[in-house]
PDB file of all heavy atoms in Angstrom:
ATOM      1  N   GLN A   1      19.061  38.142 -12.325  1.00  0.00           N
ATOM      2  CA  GLN A   1      19.088  39.329 -11.445  1.00  0.00           C
ATOM      3  C   GLN A   1      20.144  39.095 -10.337  1.00  0.00           C
ATOM      4  O   GLN A   1      20.066  38.275  -9.479  1.00  0.00           O
ATOM      5  CB  GLN A   1      17.710  39.539 -10.807  1.00  0.00           C
ATOM      6  CG  GLN A   1      17.571  40.612  -9.711  1.00  0.00           C
ATOM      7  CD  GLN A   1      18.232  41.911 -10.183  1.00  0.00           C
ATOM      8  OE1 GLN A   1      19.306  42.258  -9.752  1.00  0.00           O
ATOM      9  NE2 GLN A   1      17.447  42.641 -10.963  1.00  0.00           N
ATOM     10  N   LEU A   2      21.225  39.901 -10.444  1.00  0.00           N
ATOM     11  CA  LEU A   2      22.403  39.647  -9.576  1.00  0.00           C
ATOM     12  C   LEU A   2      22.157  39.817  -8.089  1.00  0.00           C
ATOM     13  O   LEU A   2      22.652  39.053  -7.300  1.00  0.00           O
ATOM     14  CB  LEU A   2      23.518  40.628 -10.021  1.00  0.00           C
ATOM     15  CG  LEU A   2      23.988  40.555 -11.410  1.00  0.00           C
ATOM     16  CD1 LEU A   2      25.191  41.454 -11.649  1.00  0.00           C
ATOM     17  CD2 LEU A   2      24.267  39.157 -11.905  1.00  0.00           C
ATOM     18  N   ALA A   3      21.261  40.697  -7.725  1.00  0.00           N
ATOM     19  CA  ALA A   3      20.946  40.947  -6.342  1.00  0.00           C
ATOM     20  C   ALA A   3      20.493  39.684  -5.602  1.00  0.00           C
ATOM     21  O   ALA A   3      20.949  39.403  -4.430  1.00  0.00           O
ATOM     22  CB  ALA A   3      19.986  42.045  -6.147  1.00  0.00           C
ATOM     23  N   PHE A   4      19.668  38.870  -6.268  1.00  0.00           N
ATOM     24  CA  PHE A   4      19.191  37.696  -5.540  1.00  0.00           C
ATOM     25  C   PHE A   4      20.221  36.613  -5.389  1.00  0.00           C
ATOM     26  O   PHE A   4      20.202  35.850  -4.405  1.00  0.00           O
ATOM     27  CB  PHE A   4      17.984  37.092  -6.386  1.00  0.00           C
ATOM     28  CG  PHE A   4      16.726  37.921  -6.290  1.00  0.00           C
ATOM     29  CD1 PHE A   4      16.402  38.901  -7.293  1.00  0.00           C
ATOM     30  CD2 PHE A   4      15.824  37.909  -5.222  1.00  0.00           C
ATOM     31  CE1 PHE A   4      15.288  39.693  -7.275  1.00  0.00           C
ATOM     32  CE2 PHE A   4      14.727  38.681  -5.153  1.00  0.00           C
ATOM     33  CZ  PHE A   4      14.440  39.616  -6.132  1.00  0.00           C
ATOM     34  N   PHE A   5      21.187  36.568  -6.246  1.00  0.00           N
ATOM     35  CA  PHE A   5      22.271  35.667  -6.061  1.00  0.00           C
ATOM     36  C   PHE A   5      23.290  36.181  -5.055  1.00  0.00           C
ATOM     37  O   PHE A   5      23.824  35.463  -4.238  1.00  0.00           O
ATOM     38  CB  PHE A   5      22.952  35.396  -7.362  1.00  0.00           C
ATOM     39  CG  PHE A   5      22.128  34.551  -8.370  1.00  0.00           C
ATOM     40  CD1 PHE A   5      21.298  35.162  -9.234  1.00  0.00           C
ATOM     41  CD2 PHE A   5      22.137  33.159  -8.302  1.00  0.00           C
ATOM     42  CE1 PHE A   5      20.500  34.421 -10.096  1.00  0.00           C
ATOM     43  CE2 PHE A   5      21.307  32.398  -9.102  1.00  0.00           C
ATOM     44  CZ  PHE A   5      20.501  33.060 -10.028  1.00  0.00           C
ATOM     45  N   GLU A   6      23.597  37.479  -5.114  1.00  0.00           N
ATOM     46  CA  GLU A   6      24.527  38.114  -4.135  1.00  0.00           C
ATOM     47  C   GLU A   6      23.942  37.945  -2.720  1.00  0.00           C
ATOM     48  O   GLU A   6      24.724  37.782  -1.735  1.00  0.00           O
ATOM     49  CB  GLU A   6      24.703  39.596  -4.462  1.00  0.00           C
ATOM     50  CG  GLU A   6      25.467  39.766  -5.806  1.00  0.00           C
ATOM     51  CD  GLU A   6      25.491  41.143  -6.305  1.00  0.00           C
ATOM     52  OE1 GLU A   6      24.759  42.044  -5.701  1.00  0.00           O
ATOM     53  OE2 GLU A   6      26.170  41.472  -7.309  1.00  0.00           O
ATOM     54  N   ALA A   7      22.624  37.998  -2.600  1.00  0.00           N
ATOM     55  CA  ALA A   7      22.070  37.904  -1.231  1.00  0.00           C
ATOM     56  C   ALA A   7      22.241  36.479  -0.626  1.00  0.00           C
ATOM     57  O   ALA A   7      22.083  36.355   0.590  1.00  0.00           O
ATOM     58  CB  ALA A   7      20.566  38.199  -1.258  1.00  0.00           C
ATOM     59  N   LEU A   8      22.565  35.500  -1.452  1.00  0.00           N
ATOM     60  CA  LEU A   8      22.799  34.153  -1.016  1.00  0.00           C
ATOM     61  C   LEU A   8      24.237  33.924  -0.688  1.00  0.00           C
ATOM     62  O   LEU A   8      24.622  32.846  -0.279  1.00  0.00           O
ATOM     63  CB  LEU A   8      22.377  33.174  -2.097  1.00  0.00           C
ATOM     64  CG  LEU A   8      20.889  33.156  -2.513  1.00  0.00           C
ATOM     65  CD1 LEU A   8      20.632  32.299  -3.682  1.00  0.00           C
ATOM     66  CD2 LEU A   8      20.074  32.704  -1.334  1.00  0.00           C
ATOM     67  N   GLY A   9      25.089  34.955  -0.661  1.00  0.00           N
ATOM     68  CA  GLY A   9      26.475  34.860  -0.277  1.00  0.00           C
ATOM     69  C   GLY A   9      27.351  34.140  -1.350  1.00  0.00           C
ATOM     70  O   GLY A   9      26.952  34.046  -2.514  1.00  0.00           O
ATOM     71  N   PRO A  10      28.542  33.679  -0.914  1.00  0.00           N
ATOM     72  CA  PRO A  10      29.416  33.085  -1.861  1.00  0.00           C
ATOM     73  C   PRO A  10      28.848  31.933  -2.664  1.00  0.00           C
ATOM     74  O   PRO A  10      29.126  31.737  -3.831  1.00  0.00           O
ATOM     75  CB  PRO A  10      30.667  32.596  -0.998  1.00  0.00           C
ATOM     76  CG  PRO A  10      30.566  33.542   0.192  1.00  0.00           C
ATOM     77  CD  PRO A  10      29.140  33.778   0.368  1.00  0.00           C
ATOM     78  N   GLU A  11      28.054  31.130  -1.955  1.00  0.00           N
ATOM     79  CA  GLU A  11      27.448  30.006  -2.626  1.00  0.00           C
ATOM     80  C   GLU A  11      26.481  30.463  -3.745  1.00  0.00           C
ATOM     81  O   GLU A  11      26.324  29.770  -4.807  1.00  0.00           O
ATOM     82  CB  GLU A  11      26.691  29.031  -1.623  1.00  0.00           C
ATOM     83  CG  GLU A  11      27.632  28.274  -0.693  1.00  0.00           C
ATOM     84  CD  GLU A  11      26.853  27.483   0.255  1.00  0.00           C
ATOM     85  OE1 GLU A  11      25.796  27.873   0.691  1.00  0.00           O
ATOM     86  OE2 GLU A  11      27.366  26.391   0.580  1.00  0.00           O
ATOM     87  N   GLY A  12      25.798  31.576  -3.458  1.00  0.00           N
ATOM     88  CA  GLY A  12      24.812  32.138  -4.460  1.00  0.00           C
ATOM     89  C   GLY A  12      25.661  32.668  -5.699  1.00  0.00           C
ATOM     90  O   GLY A  12      25.173  32.461  -6.895  1.00  0.00           O
ATOM     91  N   THR A  13      26.785  33.274  -5.479  1.00  0.00           N
ATOM     92  CA  THR A  13      27.577  33.762  -6.643  1.00  0.00           C
ATOM     93  C   THR A  13      28.078  32.604  -7.422  1.00  0.00           C
ATOM     94  O   THR A  13      28.089  32.619  -8.695  1.00  0.00           O
ATOM     95  CB  THR A  13      28.758  34.606  -6.105  1.00  0.00           C
ATOM     96  OG1 THR A  13      28.236  35.730  -5.376  1.00  0.00           O
ATOM     97  CG2 THR A  13      29.590  35.095  -7.241  1.00  0.00           C
ATOM     98  N   ALA A  14      28.526  31.504  -6.750  1.00  0.00           N
ATOM     99  CA  ALA A  14      28.989  30.367  -7.478  1.00  0.00           C
ATOM    100  C   ALA A  14      27.839  29.694  -8.293  1.00  0.00           C
ATOM    101  O   ALA A  14      28.044  29.260  -9.385  1.00  0.00           O
ATOM    102  CB  ALA A  14      29.582  29.310  -6.476  1.00  0.00           C
ATOM    103  N   LEU A  15      26.665  29.758  -7.762  1.00  0.00           N
ATOM    104  CA  LEU A  15      25.473  29.245  -8.429  1.00  0.00           C
ATOM    105  C   LEU A  15      25.172  30.050  -9.672  1.00  0.00           C
ATOM    106  O   LEU A  15      24.833  29.556 -10.717  1.00  0.00           O
ATOM    107  CB  LEU A  15      24.254  29.148  -7.501  1.00  0.00           C
ATOM    108  CG  LEU A  15      22.979  28.693  -8.096  1.00  0.00           C
ATOM    109  CD1 LEU A  15      23.100  27.205  -8.639  1.00  0.00           C
ATOM    110  CD2 LEU A  15      21.841  28.737  -7.078  1.00  0.00           C
ATOM    111  N   LEU A  16      25.295  31.407  -9.541  1.00  0.00           N
ATOM    112  CA  LEU A  16      25.082  32.227 -10.704  1.00  0.00           C
ATOM    113  C   LEU A  16      25.941  31.831 -11.826  1.00  0.00           C
ATOM    114  O   LEU A  16      25.582  31.775 -13.028  1.00  0.00           O
ATOM    115  CB  LEU A  16      25.306  33.672 -10.254  1.00  0.00           C
ATOM    116  CG  LEU A  16      25.440  34.725 -11.416  1.00  0.00           C
ATOM    117  CD1 LEU A  16      24.088  34.904 -12.133  1.00  0.00           C
ATOM    118  CD2 LEU A  16      25.869  36.046 -10.767  1.00  0.00           C
ATOM    119  N   TRP A  17      27.324  31.708 -11.526  1.00  0.00           N
ATOM    120  CA  TRP A  17      28.290  31.429 -12.583  1.00  0.00           C
ATOM    121  C   TRP A  17      27.924  30.027 -13.206  1.00  0.00           C
ATOM    122  O   TRP A  17      28.009  29.857 -14.504  1.00  0.00           O
ATOM    123  CB  TRP A  17      29.658  31.340 -12.067  1.00  0.00           C
ATOM    124  CG  TRP A  17      30.246  32.610 -11.484  1.00  0.00           C
ATOM    125  CD1 TRP A  17      31.052  32.776 -10.438  1.00  0.00           C
ATOM    126  CD2 TRP A  17      29.988  34.014 -11.924  1.00  0.00           C
ATOM    127  NE1 TRP A  17      31.340  34.019 -10.160  1.00  0.00           N
ATOM    128  CE2 TRP A  17      30.759  34.804 -11.077  1.00  0.00           C
ATOM    129  CE3 TRP A  17      29.242  34.556 -12.954  1.00  0.00           C
ATOM    130  CZ2 TRP A  17      30.715  36.136 -11.246  1.00  0.00           C
ATOM    131  CZ3 TRP A  17      29.217  35.878 -13.151  1.00  0.00           C
ATOM    132  CH2 TRP A  17      29.910  36.753 -12.273  1.00  0.00           C
ATOM    133  N   GLU A  18      27.558  29.104 -12.360  1.00  0.00           N
ATOM    134  CA  GLU A  18      27.191  27.795 -12.930  1.00  0.00           C
ATOM    135  C   GLU A  18      25.953  27.838 -13.874  1.00  0.00           C
ATOM    136  O   GLU A  18      25.972  27.199 -14.903  1.00  0.00           O
ATOM    137  CB  GLU A  18      26.848  26.795 -11.722  1.00  0.00           C
ATOM    138  CG  GLU A  18      26.596  25.387 -12.191  1.00  0.00           C
ATOM    139  CD  GLU A  18      26.384  24.486 -11.028  1.00  0.00           C
ATOM    140  OE1 GLU A  18      26.229  24.883  -9.853  1.00  0.00           O
ATOM    141  OE2 GLU A  18      26.220  23.230 -11.309  1.00  0.00           O
ATOM    142  N   LEU A  19      24.920  28.580 -13.417  1.00  0.00           N
ATOM    143  CA  LEU A  19      23.729  28.627 -14.199  1.00  0.00           C
ATOM    144  C   LEU A  19      23.881  29.437 -15.492  1.00  0.00           C
ATOM    145  O   LEU A  19      23.433  29.158 -16.569  1.00  0.00           O
ATOM    146  CB  LEU A  19      22.594  29.321 -13.398  1.00  0.00           C
ATOM    147  CG  LEU A  19      22.093  28.468 -12.248  1.00  0.00           C
ATOM    148  CD1 LEU A  19      21.094  29.280 -11.382  1.00  0.00           C
ATOM    149  CD2 LEU A  19      21.402  27.153 -12.750  1.00  0.00           C
ATOM    150  N   ALA A  20      24.772  30.550 -15.455  1.00  0.00           N
ATOM    151  CA  ALA A  20      25.012  31.336 -16.618  1.00  0.00           C
ATOM    152  C   ALA A  20      25.815  30.454 -17.585  1.00  0.00           C
ATOM    153  O   ALA A  20      25.579  30.525 -18.822  1.00  0.00           O
ATOM    154  CB  ALA A  20      25.848  32.550 -16.218  1.00  0.00           C
ATOM    155  N   SER A  21      26.805  29.736 -17.091  1.00  0.00           N
ATOM    156  CA  SER A  21      27.571  28.811 -17.958  1.00  0.00           C
ATOM    157  C   SER A  21      26.684  27.769 -18.648  1.00  0.00           C
ATOM    158  O   SER A  21      26.856  27.479 -19.804  1.00  0.00           O
ATOM    159  CB  SER A  21      28.682  28.128 -17.136  1.00  0.00           C
ATOM    160  OG  SER A  21      29.591  29.125 -16.598  1.00  0.00           O
ATOM    161  N   ALA A  22      25.819  27.246 -17.869  1.00  0.00           N
ATOM    162  CA  ALA A  22      24.869  26.173 -18.388  1.00  0.00           C
ATOM    163  C   ALA A  22      24.019  26.743 -19.476  1.00  0.00           C
ATOM    164  O   ALA A  22      23.731  26.162 -20.436  1.00  0.00           O
ATOM    165  CB  ALA A  22      24.020  25.627 -17.252  1.00  0.00           C
ATOM    166  N   SER A  23      23.561  28.022 -19.286  1.00  0.00           N
ATOM    167  CA  SER A  23      22.729  28.652 -20.221  1.00  0.00           C
ATOM    168  C   SER A  23      23.458  28.721 -21.557  1.00  0.00           C
ATOM    169  O   SER A  23      22.867  28.510 -22.689  1.00  0.00           O
ATOM    170  CB  SER A  23      22.286  30.064 -19.781  1.00  0.00           C
ATOM    171  OG  SER A  23      21.506  29.956 -18.630  1.00  0.00           O
ATOM    172  N   ARG A  24      24.709  29.140 -21.547  1.00  0.00           N
ATOM    173  CA  ARG A  24      25.525  29.285 -22.763  1.00  0.00           C
ATOM    174  C   ARG A  24      25.722  27.978 -23.414  1.00  0.00           C
ATOM    175  O   ARG A  24      25.765  27.877 -24.682  1.00  0.00           O
ATOM    176  CB  ARG A  24      26.827  30.026 -22.360  1.00  0.00           C
ATOM    177  CG  ARG A  24      26.731  31.372 -21.837  1.00  0.00           C
ATOM    178  CD  ARG A  24      25.939  32.299 -22.782  1.00  0.00           C
ATOM    179  NE  ARG A  24      26.463  32.317 -24.106  1.00  0.00           N
ATOM    180  CZ  ARG A  24      27.517  33.086 -24.450  1.00  0.00           C
ATOM    181  NH1 ARG A  24      28.110  33.922 -23.575  1.00  0.00           N
ATOM    182  NH2 ARG A  24      27.980  33.086 -25.633  1.00  0.00           N
ATOM    183  N   VAL A  25      25.978  26.940 -22.650  1.00  0.00           N
ATOM    184  CA  VAL A  25      26.123  25.529 -23.200  1.00  0.00           C
ATOM    185  C   VAL A  25      24.863  25.083 -23.970  1.00  0.00           C
ATOM    186  O   VAL A  25      24.819  24.479 -24.964  1.00  0.00           O
ATOM    187  CB  VAL A  25      26.441  24.591 -22.097  1.00  0.00           C
ATOM    188  CG1 VAL A  25      26.362  23.161 -22.557  1.00  0.00           C
ATOM    189  CG2 VAL A  25      27.879  24.810 -21.525  1.00  0.00           C
ATOM    190  N   MET A  26      23.681  25.553 -23.443  1.00  0.00           N
ATOM    191  CA  MET A  26      22.402  25.289 -24.040  1.00  0.00           C
ATOM    192  C   MET A  26      22.144  26.142 -25.263  1.00  0.00           C
ATOM    193  O   MET A  26      21.067  25.998 -25.946  1.00  0.00           O
ATOM    194  CB  MET A  26      21.290  25.424 -23.074  1.00  0.00           C
ATOM    195  CG  MET A  26      21.264  24.542 -21.872  1.00  0.00           C
ATOM    196  SD  MET A  26      19.972  24.905 -20.646  1.00  0.00           S
ATOM    197  CE  MET A  26      20.545  24.042 -19.239  1.00  0.00           C
ATOM    198  N   GLY A  27      23.100  27.038 -25.608  1.00  0.00           N
ATOM    199  CA  GLY A  27      22.926  27.921 -26.729  1.00  0.00           C
ATOM    200  C   GLY A  27      22.013  29.119 -26.404  1.00  0.00           C
ATOM    201  O   GLY A  27      21.464  29.723 -27.298  1.00  0.00           O
ATOM    202  N   LEU A  28      21.863  29.417 -25.137  1.00  0.00           N
ATOM    203  CA  LEU A  28      20.915  30.467 -24.709  1.00  0.00           C
ATOM    204  C   LEU A  28      21.725  31.691 -24.332  1.00  0.00           C
ATOM    205  O   LEU A  28      22.547  31.690 -23.361  1.00  0.00           O
ATOM    206  CB  LEU A  28      20.133  30.046 -23.502  1.00  0.00           C
ATOM    207  CG  LEU A  28      18.942  30.888 -22.999  1.00  0.00           C
ATOM    208  CD1 LEU A  28      17.919  31.147 -24.122  1.00  0.00           C
ATOM    209  CD2 LEU A  28      18.259  30.154 -21.823  1.00  0.00           C
ATOM    210  N   PRO A  29      21.461  32.911 -24.981  1.00  0.00           N
ATOM    211  CA  PRO A  29      22.188  34.134 -24.524  1.00  0.00           C
ATOM    212  C   PRO A  29      21.869  34.471 -23.093  1.00  0.00           C
ATOM    213  O   PRO A  29      20.796  34.115 -22.513  1.00  0.00           O
ATOM    214  CB  PRO A  29      21.664  35.176 -25.510  1.00  0.00           C
ATOM    215  CG  PRO A  29      21.224  34.389 -26.734  1.00  0.00           C
ATOM    216  CD  PRO A  29      20.754  33.080 -26.153  1.00  0.00           C
ATOM    217  N   VAL A  30      22.783  35.317 -22.447  1.00  0.00           N
ATOM    218  CA  VAL A  30      22.588  35.645 -21.036  1.00  0.00           C
ATOM    219  C   VAL A  30      22.654  37.107 -20.874  1.00  0.00           C
ATOM    220  O   VAL A  30      23.445  37.794 -21.463  1.00  0.00           O
ATOM    221  CB  VAL A  30      23.753  34.955 -20.227  1.00  0.00           C
ATOM    222  CG1 VAL A  30      23.862  35.551 -18.783  1.00  0.00           C
ATOM    223  CG2 VAL A  30      23.531  33.417 -20.188  1.00  0.00           C
ATOM    224  N   ILE A  31      21.741  37.639 -20.028  1.00  0.00           N
ATOM    225  CA  ILE A  31      21.754  39.064 -19.613  1.00  0.00           C
ATOM    226  C   ILE A  31      22.017  39.054 -18.083  1.00  0.00           C
ATOM    227  O   ILE A  31      21.247  38.463 -17.351  1.00  0.00           O
ATOM    228  CB  ILE A  31      20.463  39.718 -19.909  1.00  0.00           C
ATOM    229  CG1 ILE A  31      20.138  39.654 -21.398  1.00  0.00           C
ATOM    230  CG2 ILE A  31      20.491  41.199 -19.451  1.00  0.00           C
ATOM    231  CD1 ILE A  31      18.698  40.129 -21.734  1.00  0.00           C
ATOM    232  N   PHE A  32      23.075  39.727 -17.669  1.00  0.00           N
ATOM    233  CA  PHE A  32      23.330  39.942 -16.196  1.00  0.00           C
ATOM    234  C   PHE A  32      22.627  41.282 -15.872  1.00  0.00           C
ATOM    235  O   PHE A  32      23.019  42.381 -16.352  1.00  0.00           O
ATOM    236  CB  PHE A  32      24.848  40.032 -15.949  1.00  0.00           C
ATOM    237  CG  PHE A  32      25.466  38.725 -16.214  1.00  0.00           C
ATOM    238  CD1 PHE A  32      26.320  38.489 -17.269  1.00  0.00           C
ATOM    239  CD2 PHE A  32      25.355  37.678 -15.289  1.00  0.00           C
ATOM    240  CE1 PHE A  32      26.967  37.340 -17.505  1.00  0.00           C
ATOM    241  CE2 PHE A  32      26.043  36.454 -15.508  1.00  0.00           C
ATOM    242  CZ  PHE A  32      26.798  36.266 -16.630  1.00  0.00           C
TER     243      PHE A  32
END
């Protein structure tokens, strides 16, 4: 859910990209 990451500011957005990338590495599809 993008809103919860956006509410955390730039560090939250960076965390979103990191977690989404990790999900893909684990073979897990991602929904934004």
